[in-house]
PDB file of all heavy atoms in Angstrom:
ATOM      1  N   ASN A   1     -33.867 264.571 266.783  1.00  0.00           N
ATOM      2  CA  ASN A   1     -34.192 264.393 268.187  1.00  0.00           C
ATOM      3  C   ASN A   1     -33.063 264.834 269.113  1.00  0.00           C
ATOM      4  O   ASN A   1     -32.307 264.003 269.581  1.00  0.00           O
ATOM      5  CB  ASN A   1     -34.587 262.935 268.429  1.00  0.00           C
ATOM      6  CG  ASN A   1     -35.027 262.632 269.827  1.00  0.00           C
ATOM      7  OD1 ASN A   1     -35.462 263.570 270.535  1.00  0.00           O
ATOM      8  ND2 ASN A   1     -34.986 261.380 270.256  1.00  0.00           N
ATOM      9  N   PHE A   2     -33.046 266.161 269.478  1.00  0.00           N
ATOM     10  CA  PHE A   2     -31.985 266.668 270.266  1.00  0.00           C
ATOM     11  C   PHE A   2     -32.359 266.607 271.769  1.00  0.00           C
ATOM     12  O   PHE A   2     -33.374 267.009 272.182  1.00  0.00           O
ATOM     13  CB  PHE A   2     -31.689 268.077 269.812  1.00  0.00           C
ATOM     14  CG  PHE A   2     -30.573 268.759 270.638  1.00  0.00           C
ATOM     15  CD1 PHE A   2     -29.350 268.244 270.568  1.00  0.00           C
ATOM     16  CD2 PHE A   2     -30.750 269.904 271.391  1.00  0.00           C
ATOM     17  CE1 PHE A   2     -28.187 268.795 271.228  1.00  0.00           C
ATOM     18  CE2 PHE A   2     -29.695 270.574 272.065  1.00  0.00           C
ATOM     19  CZ  PHE A   2     -28.501 269.924 271.995  1.00  0.00           C
ATOM     20  N   LEU A   3     -31.417 266.062 272.574  1.00  0.00           N
ATOM     21  CA  LEU A   3     -31.584 265.883 273.975  1.00  0.00           C
ATOM     22  C   LEU A   3     -30.663 266.710 274.850  1.00  0.00           C
ATOM     23  O   LEU A   3     -30.596 266.450 276.005  1.00  0.00           O
ATOM     24  CB  LEU A   3     -31.551 264.451 274.343  1.00  0.00           C
ATOM     25  CG  LEU A   3     -32.616 263.500 273.747  1.00  0.00           C
ATOM     26  CD1 LEU A   3     -32.387 262.045 274.279  1.00  0.00           C
ATOM     27  CD2 LEU A   3     -34.035 263.981 273.876  1.00  0.00           C
ATOM     28  N   GLY A   4     -29.945 267.661 274.224  1.00  0.00           N
ATOM     29  CA  GLY A   4     -29.134 268.556 275.029  1.00  0.00           C
ATOM     30  C   GLY A   4     -27.610 268.160 275.047  1.00  0.00           C
ATOM     31  O   GLY A   4     -27.162 267.380 274.195  1.00  0.00           O
ATOM     32  N   ASN A   5     -26.893 268.756 275.890  1.00  0.00           N
ATOM     33  CA  ASN A   5     -25.461 268.590 275.934  1.00  0.00           C
ATOM     34  C   ASN A   5     -25.134 267.247 276.608  1.00  0.00           C
ATOM     35  O   ASN A   5     -25.860 266.688 277.350  1.00  0.00           O
ATOM     36  CB  ASN A   5     -24.767 269.702 276.799  1.00  0.00           C
ATOM     37  CG  ASN A   5     -24.776 271.004 276.047  1.00  0.00           C
ATOM     38  OD1 ASN A   5     -24.842 271.092 274.792  1.00  0.00           O
ATOM     39  ND2 ASN A   5     -24.722 272.150 276.822  1.00  0.00           N
ATOM     40  N   VAL A   6     -23.868 266.805 276.380  1.00  0.00           N
ATOM     41  CA  VAL A   6     -23.321 265.603 277.067  1.00  0.00           C
ATOM     42  C   VAL A   6     -21.859 265.940 277.378  1.00  0.00           C
ATOM     43  O   VAL A   6     -21.166 266.498 276.506  1.00  0.00           O
ATOM     44  CB  VAL A   6     -23.519 264.310 276.217  1.00  0.00           C
ATOM     45  CG1 VAL A   6     -22.710 264.415 274.938  1.00  0.00           C
ATOM     46  CG2 VAL A   6     -23.118 263.125 277.011  1.00  0.00           C
ATOM     47  N   GLU A   7     -21.384 265.502 278.529  1.00  0.00           N
ATOM     48  CA  GLU A   7     -20.021 265.649 278.840  1.00  0.00           C
ATOM     49  C   GLU A   7     -19.246 264.380 278.416  1.00  0.00           C
ATOM     50  O   GLU A   7     -19.823 263.318 278.198  1.00  0.00           O
ATOM     51  CB  GLU A   7     -19.757 265.770 280.366  1.00  0.00           C
ATOM     52  CG  GLU A   7     -20.426 267.030 280.931  1.00  0.00           C
ATOM     53  CD  GLU A   7     -20.165 267.089 282.431  1.00  0.00           C
ATOM     54  OE1 GLU A   7     -19.068 266.784 282.878  1.00  0.00           O
ATOM     55  OE2 GLU A   7     -21.071 267.649 283.109  1.00  0.00           O
ATOM     56  N   SER A   8     -17.897 264.526 278.113  1.00  0.00           N
ATOM     57  CA  SER A   8     -17.179 263.466 277.562  1.00  0.00           C
ATOM     58  C   SER A   8     -17.090 262.262 278.442  1.00  0.00           C
ATOM     59  O   SER A   8     -17.060 261.112 277.903  1.00  0.00           O
ATOM     60  CB  SER A   8     -15.721 263.956 277.329  1.00  0.00           C
ATOM     61  OG  SER A   8     -15.099 264.384 278.503  1.00  0.00           O
ATOM     62  N   ARG A   9     -17.236 262.397 279.775  1.00  0.00           N
ATOM     63  CA  ARG A   9     -17.191 261.173 280.636  1.00  0.00           C
ATOM     64  C   ARG A   9     -18.523 260.378 280.489  1.00  0.00           C
ATOM     65  O   ARG A   9     -18.581 259.277 280.991  1.00  0.00           O
ATOM     66  CB  ARG A   9     -17.090 261.689 282.126  1.00  0.00           C
ATOM     67  CG  ARG A   9     -18.167 262.536 282.607  1.00  0.00           C
ATOM     68  CD  ARG A   9     -18.062 262.936 284.038  1.00  0.00           C
ATOM     69  NE  ARG A   9     -19.064 263.799 284.530  1.00  0.00           N
ATOM     70  CZ  ARG A   9     -19.235 264.218 285.764  1.00  0.00           C
ATOM     71  NH1 ARG A   9     -18.332 263.831 286.713  1.00  0.00           N
ATOM     72  NH2 ARG A   9     -20.214 265.026 286.134  1.00  0.00           N
ATOM     73  N   GLU A  10     -19.520 260.937 279.833  1.00  0.00           N
ATOM     74  CA  GLU A  10     -20.843 260.272 279.762  1.00  0.00           C
ATOM     75  C   GLU A  10     -21.134 259.685 278.399  1.00  0.00           C
ATOM     76  O   GLU A  10     -22.135 258.928 278.292  1.00  0.00           O
ATOM     77  CB  GLU A  10     -21.940 261.252 280.130  1.00  0.00           C
ATOM     78  CG  GLU A  10     -21.878 261.909 281.430  1.00  0.00           C
ATOM     79  CD  GLU A  10     -22.780 262.977 281.668  1.00  0.00           C
ATOM     80  OE1 GLU A  10     -23.195 263.634 280.732  1.00  0.00           O
ATOM     81  OE2 GLU A  10     -23.098 263.241 282.842  1.00  0.00           O
ATOM     82  N   ILE A  11     -20.331 259.903 277.431  1.00  0.00           N
ATOM     83  CA  ILE A  11     -20.714 259.551 276.053  1.00  0.00           C
ATOM     84  C   ILE A  11     -20.817 258.092 275.817  1.00  0.00           C
ATOM     85  O   ILE A  11     -21.486 257.629 274.935  1.00  0.00           O
ATOM     86  CB  ILE A  11     -19.792 260.256 274.973  1.00  0.00           C
ATOM     87  CG1 ILE A  11     -18.318 259.702 275.037  1.00  0.00           C
ATOM     88  CG2 ILE A  11     -19.833 261.723 275.052  1.00  0.00           C
ATOM     89  CD1 ILE A  11     -17.504 260.205 273.953  1.00  0.00           C
ATOM     90  N   MET A  12     -20.096 257.267 276.634  1.00  0.00           N
ATOM     91  CA  MET A  12     -20.137 255.800 276.439  1.00  0.00           C
ATOM     92  C   MET A  12     -21.200 255.116 277.401  1.00  0.00           C
ATOM     93  O   MET A  12     -21.252 253.934 277.410  1.00  0.00           O
ATOM     94  CB  MET A  12     -18.812 255.201 276.707  1.00  0.00           C
ATOM     95  CG  MET A  12     -17.719 255.722 275.703  1.00  0.00           C
ATOM     96  SD  MET A  12     -16.078 255.065 275.911  1.00  0.00           S
ATOM     97  CE  MET A  12     -16.289 253.367 275.345  1.00  0.00           C
ATOM     98  N   ASP A  13     -22.050 255.932 278.014  1.00  0.00           N
ATOM     99  CA  ASP A  13     -23.036 255.469 278.923  1.00  0.00           C
ATOM    100  C   ASP A  13     -24.296 254.989 278.176  1.00  0.00           C
ATOM    101  O   ASP A  13     -25.262 254.477 278.831  1.00  0.00           O
ATOM    102  CB  ASP A  13     -23.398 256.442 280.011  1.00  0.00           C
ATOM    103  CG  ASP A  13     -22.235 256.671 280.986  1.00  0.00           C
ATOM    104  OD1 ASP A  13     -21.321 255.860 281.037  1.00  0.00           O
ATOM    105  OD2 ASP A  13     -22.267 257.674 281.754  1.00  0.00           O
ATOM    106  N   GLY A  14     -24.428 255.307 276.922  1.00  0.00           N
ATOM    107  CA  GLY A  14     -25.592 254.910 276.152  1.00  0.00           C
ATOM    108  C   GLY A  14     -26.692 255.940 276.192  1.00  0.00           C
ATOM    109  O   GLY A  14     -27.853 255.563 275.939  1.00  0.00           O
ATOM    110  N   THR A  15     -26.377 257.113 276.580  1.00  0.00           N
ATOM    111  CA  THR A  15     -27.491 258.210 276.693  1.00  0.00           C
ATOM    112  C   THR A  15     -27.699 258.904 275.396  1.00  0.00           C
ATOM    113  O   THR A  15     -28.599 259.742 275.275  1.00  0.00           O
ATOM    114  CB  THR A  15     -27.153 259.211 277.854  1.00  0.00           C
ATOM    115  OG1 THR A  15     -25.896 259.846 277.441  1.00  0.00           O
ATOM    116  CG2 THR A  15     -27.031 258.532 279.207  1.00  0.00           C
ATOM    117  N   ALA A  16     -26.899 258.586 274.354  1.00  0.00           N
ATOM    118  CA  ALA A  16     -27.056 259.276 273.011  1.00  0.00           C
ATOM    119  C   ALA A  16     -26.809 258.188 271.940  1.00  0.00           C
ATOM    120  O   ALA A  16     -25.992 257.258 272.135  1.00  0.00           O
ATOM    121  CB  ALA A  16     -26.133 260.434 272.886  1.00  0.00           C
ATOM    122  N   ASP A  17     -27.462 258.378 270.858  1.00  0.00           N
ATOM    123  CA  ASP A  17     -27.190 257.577 269.648  1.00  0.00           C
ATOM    124  C   ASP A  17     -26.260 258.294 268.684  1.00  0.00           C
ATOM    125  O   ASP A  17     -25.689 257.737 267.813  1.00  0.00           O
ATOM    126  CB  ASP A  17     -28.483 257.226 268.931  1.00  0.00           C
ATOM    127  CG  ASP A  17     -29.423 256.429 269.861  1.00  0.00           C
ATOM    128  OD1 ASP A  17     -29.022 255.421 270.446  1.00  0.00           O
ATOM    129  OD2 ASP A  17     -30.589 256.930 270.035  1.00  0.00           O
ATOM    130  N   VAL A  18     -26.291 259.647 268.754  1.00  0.00           N
ATOM    131  CA  VAL A  18     -25.348 260.459 268.017  1.00  0.00           C
ATOM    132  C   VAL A  18     -24.770 261.528 268.868  1.00  0.00           C
ATOM    133  O   VAL A  18     -25.516 262.252 269.650  1.00  0.00           O
ATOM    134  CB  VAL A  18     -26.146 261.174 266.874  1.00  0.00           C
ATOM    135  CG1 VAL A  18     -25.169 262.094 266.060  1.00  0.00           C
ATOM    136  CG2 VAL A  18     -26.821 260.225 265.932  1.00  0.00           C
ATOM    137  N   VAL A  19     -23.444 261.617 268.954  1.00  0.00           N
ATOM    138  CA  VAL A  19     -22.749 262.685 269.713  1.00  0.00           C
ATOM    139  C   VAL A  19     -22.064 263.521 268.729  1.00  0.00           C
ATOM    140  O   VAL A  19     -21.218 263.115 267.919  1.00  0.00           O
ATOM    141  CB  VAL A  19     -21.760 262.041 270.672  1.00  0.00           C
ATOM    142  CG1 VAL A  19     -20.963 263.161 271.337  1.00  0.00           C
ATOM    143  CG2 VAL A  19     -22.428 261.203 271.758  1.00  0.00           C
ATOM    144  N   VAL A  20     -22.428 264.797 268.763  1.00  0.00           N
ATOM    145  CA  VAL A  20     -21.857 265.827 267.818  1.00  0.00           C
ATOM    146  C   VAL A  20     -20.742 266.606 268.501  1.00  0.00           C
ATOM    147  O   VAL A  20     -20.960 267.068 269.702  1.00  0.00           O
ATOM    148  CB  VAL A  20     -22.951 266.780 267.336  1.00  0.00           C
ATOM    149  CG1 VAL A  20     -22.403 267.950 266.520  1.00  0.00           C
ATOM    150  CG2 VAL A  20     -24.043 265.976 266.431  1.00  0.00           C
ATOM    151  N   ALA A  21     -19.704 266.784 267.797  1.00  0.00           N
ATOM    152  CA  ALA A  21     -18.524 267.526 268.392  1.00  0.00           C
ATOM    153  C   ALA A  21     -17.824 268.344 267.373  1.00  0.00           C
ATOM    154  O   ALA A  21     -17.909 267.993 266.165  1.00  0.00           O
ATOM    155  CB  ALA A  21     -17.507 266.563 269.043  1.00  0.00           C
ATOM    156  N   ASP A  22     -17.216 269.432 267.718  1.00  0.00           N
ATOM    157  CA  ASP A  22     -16.301 270.060 266.824  1.00  0.00           C
ATOM    158  C   ASP A  22     -15.079 269.171 266.682  1.00  0.00           C
ATOM    159  O   ASP A  22     -14.780 268.306 267.489  1.00  0.00           O
ATOM    160  CB  ASP A  22     -15.838 271.423 267.288  1.00  0.00           C
ATOM    161  CG  ASP A  22     -15.023 271.333 268.656  1.00  0.00           C
ATOM    162  OD1 ASP A  22     -13.817 271.255 268.564  1.00  0.00           O
ATOM    163  OD2 ASP A  22     -15.695 271.341 269.710  1.00  0.00           O
ATOM    164  N   GLY A  23     -14.356 269.294 265.519  1.00  0.00           N
ATOM    165  CA  GLY A  23     -13.298 268.341 265.214  1.00  0.00           C
ATOM    166  C   GLY A  23     -12.220 268.264 266.234  1.00  0.00           C
ATOM    167  O   GLY A  23     -11.658 267.234 266.545  1.00  0.00           O
ATOM    168  N   PHE A  24     -11.811 269.377 266.874  1.00  0.00           N
ATOM    169  CA  PHE A  24     -10.817 269.453 267.776  1.00  0.00           C
ATOM    170  C   PHE A  24     -11.157 268.665 269.048  1.00  0.00           C
ATOM    171  O   PHE A  24     -10.493 267.791 269.496  1.00  0.00           O
ATOM    172  CB  PHE A  24     -10.420 270.914 268.182  1.00  0.00           C
ATOM    173  CG  PHE A  24      -9.332 270.944 269.226  1.00  0.00           C
ATOM    174  CD1 PHE A  24      -8.001 270.971 268.828  1.00  0.00           C
ATOM    175  CD2 PHE A  24      -9.664 271.035 270.654  1.00  0.00           C
ATOM    176  CE1 PHE A  24      -6.919 271.060 269.869  1.00  0.00           C
ATOM    177  CE2 PHE A  24      -8.631 271.107 271.560  1.00  0.00           C
ATOM    178  CZ  PHE A  24      -7.325 271.167 271.153  1.00  0.00           C
ATOM    179  N   SER A  25     -12.381 268.930 269.559  1.00  0.00           N
ATOM    180  CA  SER A  25     -12.842 268.243 270.807  1.00  0.00           C
ATOM    181  C   SER A  25     -13.108 266.827 270.566  1.00  0.00           C
ATOM    182  O   SER A  25     -12.753 265.950 271.387  1.00  0.00           O
ATOM    183  CB  SER A  25     -14.106 268.935 271.322  1.00  0.00           C
ATOM    184  OG  SER A  25     -13.907 270.248 271.629  1.00  0.00           O
ATOM    185  N   GLY A  26     -13.664 266.484 269.402  1.00  0.00           N
ATOM    186  CA  GLY A  26     -13.927 265.138 269.057  1.00  0.00           C
ATOM    187  C   GLY A  26     -12.765 264.258 268.938  1.00  0.00           C
ATOM    188  O   GLY A  26     -12.674 263.161 269.444  1.00  0.00           O
ATOM    189  N   ASN A  27     -11.663 264.806 268.254  1.00  0.00           N
ATOM    190  CA  ASN A  27     -10.449 264.042 268.076  1.00  0.00           C
ATOM    191  C   ASN A  27      -9.740 263.873 269.445  1.00  0.00           C
ATOM    192  O   ASN A  27      -9.242 262.828 269.757  1.00  0.00           O
ATOM    193  CB  ASN A  27      -9.564 264.807 267.109  1.00  0.00           C
ATOM    194  CG  ASN A  27      -8.310 263.945 266.735  1.00  0.00           C
ATOM    195  OD1 ASN A  27      -7.236 264.112 267.315  1.00  0.00           O
ATOM    196  ND2 ASN A  27      -8.502 263.048 265.693  1.00  0.00           N
ATOM    197  N   ALA A  28      -9.765 264.932 270.263  1.00  0.00           N
ATOM    198  CA  ALA A  28      -9.042 264.764 271.562  1.00  0.00           C
ATOM    199  C   ALA A  28      -9.752 263.797 272.485  1.00  0.00           C
ATOM    200  O   ALA A  28      -9.124 262.967 273.149  1.00  0.00           O
ATOM    201  CB  ALA A  28      -9.045 266.195 272.239  1.00  0.00           C
ATOM    202  N   THR A  29     -11.137 263.798 272.364  1.00  0.00           N
ATOM    203  CA  THR A  29     -11.856 262.818 273.210  1.00  0.00           C
ATOM    204  C   THR A  29     -11.677 261.450 272.774  1.00  0.00           C
ATOM    205  O   THR A  29     -11.446 260.478 273.503  1.00  0.00           O
ATOM    206  CB  THR A  29     -13.389 263.164 273.075  1.00  0.00           C
ATOM    207  OG1 THR A  29     -13.604 264.519 273.654  1.00  0.00           O
ATOM    208  CG2 THR A  29     -14.212 262.200 273.916  1.00  0.00           C
ATOM    209  N   LEU A  30     -11.661 261.243 271.465  1.00  0.00           N
ATOM    210  CA  LEU A  30     -11.372 259.893 270.868  1.00  0.00           C
ATOM    211  C   LEU A  30     -10.057 259.362 271.316  1.00  0.00           C
ATOM    212  O   LEU A  30      -9.899 258.192 271.826  1.00  0.00           O
ATOM    213  CB  LEU A  30     -11.421 259.994 269.309  1.00  0.00           C
ATOM    214  CG  LEU A  30     -10.844 258.818 268.566  1.00  0.00           C
ATOM    215  CD1 LEU A  30     -11.781 257.635 268.710  1.00  0.00           C
ATOM    216  CD2 LEU A  30     -10.730 259.129 267.138  1.00  0.00           C
ATOM    217  N   LYS A  31      -8.943 260.222 271.221  1.00  0.00           N
ATOM    218  CA  LYS A  31      -7.694 259.741 271.632  1.00  0.00           C
ATOM    219  C   LYS A  31      -7.516 259.513 273.112  1.00  0.00           C
ATOM    220  O   LYS A  31      -6.803 258.582 273.456  1.00  0.00           O
ATOM    221  CB  LYS A  31      -6.602 260.718 271.103  1.00  0.00           C
ATOM    222  CG  LYS A  31      -6.482 260.703 269.534  1.00  0.00           C
ATOM    223  CD  LYS A  31      -5.503 261.632 269.059  1.00  0.00           C
ATOM    224  CE  LYS A  31      -5.358 261.595 267.534  1.00  0.00           C
ATOM    225  NZ  LYS A  31      -4.555 262.617 266.941  1.00  0.00           N
ATOM    226  N   ALA A  32      -8.218 260.304 273.929  1.00  0.00           N
ATOM    227  CA  ALA A  32      -8.196 260.132 275.316  1.00  0.00           C
ATOM    228  C   ALA A  32      -8.844 258.767 275.735  1.00  0.00           C
ATOM    229  O   ALA A  32      -8.290 258.040 276.637  1.00  0.00           O
ATOM    230  CB  ALA A  32      -8.881 261.267 276.053  1.00  0.00           C
ATOM    231  N   ILE A  33      -9.986 258.433 275.099  1.00  0.00           N
ATOM    232  CA  ILE A  33     -10.676 257.192 275.395  1.00  0.00           C
ATOM    233  C   ILE A  33      -9.825 256.007 274.904  1.00  0.00           C
ATOM    234  O   ILE A  33      -9.704 255.064 275.605  1.00  0.00           O
ATOM    235  CB  ILE A  33     -12.043 257.221 274.730  1.00  0.00           C
ATOM    236  CG1 ILE A  33     -12.939 258.229 275.414  1.00  0.00           C
ATOM    237  CG2 ILE A  33     -12.704 255.781 274.840  1.00  0.00           C
ATOM    238  CD1 ILE A  33     -14.281 258.433 274.729  1.00  0.00           C
ATOM    239  N   GLU A  34      -9.289 256.118 273.674  1.00  0.00           N
ATOM    240  CA  GLU A  34      -8.415 255.004 273.175  1.00  0.00           C
ATOM    241  C   GLU A  34      -7.252 254.767 274.135  1.00  0.00           C
ATOM    242  O   GLU A  34      -6.998 253.673 274.503  1.00  0.00           O
ATOM    243  CB  GLU A  34      -7.884 255.390 271.814  1.00  0.00           C
ATOM    244  CG  GLU A  34      -8.927 255.311 270.645  1.00  0.00           C
ATOM    245  CD  GLU A  34      -8.294 255.677 269.329  1.00  0.00           C
ATOM    246  OE1 GLU A  34      -7.289 256.387 269.277  1.00  0.00           O
ATOM    247  OE2 GLU A  34      -8.876 255.240 268.332  1.00  0.00           O
ATOM    248  N   GLY A  35      -6.610 255.856 274.553  1.00  0.00           N
ATOM    249  CA  GLY A  35      -5.430 255.743 275.478  1.00  0.00           C
ATOM    250  C   GLY A  35      -5.791 255.099 276.756  1.00  0.00           C
ATOM    251  O   GLY A  35      -5.093 254.257 277.346  1.00  0.00           O
ATOM    252  N   THR A  36      -6.926 255.585 277.287  1.00  0.00           N
ATOM    253  CA  THR A  36      -7.381 255.048 278.597  1.00  0.00           C
ATOM    254  C   THR A  36      -7.688 253.592 278.483  1.00  0.00           C
ATOM    255  O   THR A  36      -7.386 252.783 279.422  1.00  0.00           O
ATOM    256  CB  THR A  36      -8.600 255.798 279.025  1.00  0.00           C
ATOM    257  OG1 THR A  36      -8.313 257.178 279.265  1.00  0.00           O
ATOM    258  CG2 THR A  36      -9.112 255.315 280.432  1.00  0.00           C
ATOM    259  N   ALA A  37      -8.442 253.210 277.432  1.00  0.00           N
ATOM    260  CA  ALA A  37      -8.780 251.786 277.244  1.00  0.00           C
ATOM    261  C   ALA A  37      -7.630 250.894 277.113  1.00  0.00           C
ATOM    262  O   ALA A  37      -7.460 249.830 277.764  1.00  0.00           O
ATOM    263  CB  ALA A  37      -9.686 251.593 276.015  1.00  0.00           C
ATOM    264  N   LEU A  38      -6.557 251.309 276.400  1.00  0.00           N
ATOM    265  CA  LEU A  38      -5.302 250.518 276.291  1.00  0.00           C
ATOM    266  C   LEU A  38      -4.591 250.461 277.591  1.00  0.00           C
ATOM    267  O   LEU A  38      -4.143 249.320 277.900  1.00  0.00           O
ATOM    268  CB  LEU A  38      -4.429 251.150 275.163  1.00  0.00           C
ATOM    269  CG  LEU A  38      -4.878 251.065 273.698  1.00  0.00           C
ATOM    270  CD1 LEU A  38      -4.034 251.965 272.810  1.00  0.00           C
ATOM    271  CD2 LEU A  38      -4.844 249.622 273.222  1.00  0.00           C
ATOM    272  N   THR A  39      -4.473 251.527 278.306  1.00  0.00           N
ATOM    273  CA  THR A  39      -3.848 251.500 279.506  1.00  0.00           C
ATOM    274  C   THR A  39      -4.476 250.640 280.603  1.00  0.00           C
ATOM    275  O   THR A  39      -3.840 249.855 281.314  1.00  0.00           O
ATOM    276  CB  THR A  39      -3.677 252.945 280.095  1.00  0.00           C
ATOM    277  OG1 THR A  39      -2.943 253.768 279.199  1.00  0.00           O
ATOM    278  CG2 THR A  39      -3.021 252.951 281.430  1.00  0.00           C
TER     279      THR A  39
END
């Protein structure tokens, strides 16, 4: 059930149950979110 693209700022809004990324973008997004949450 594909619903289109999503930007990194929206992935935690609950608009997707699966977010697909290439490994570089996915890892960078993960670390950015982790760092922001900790800060």
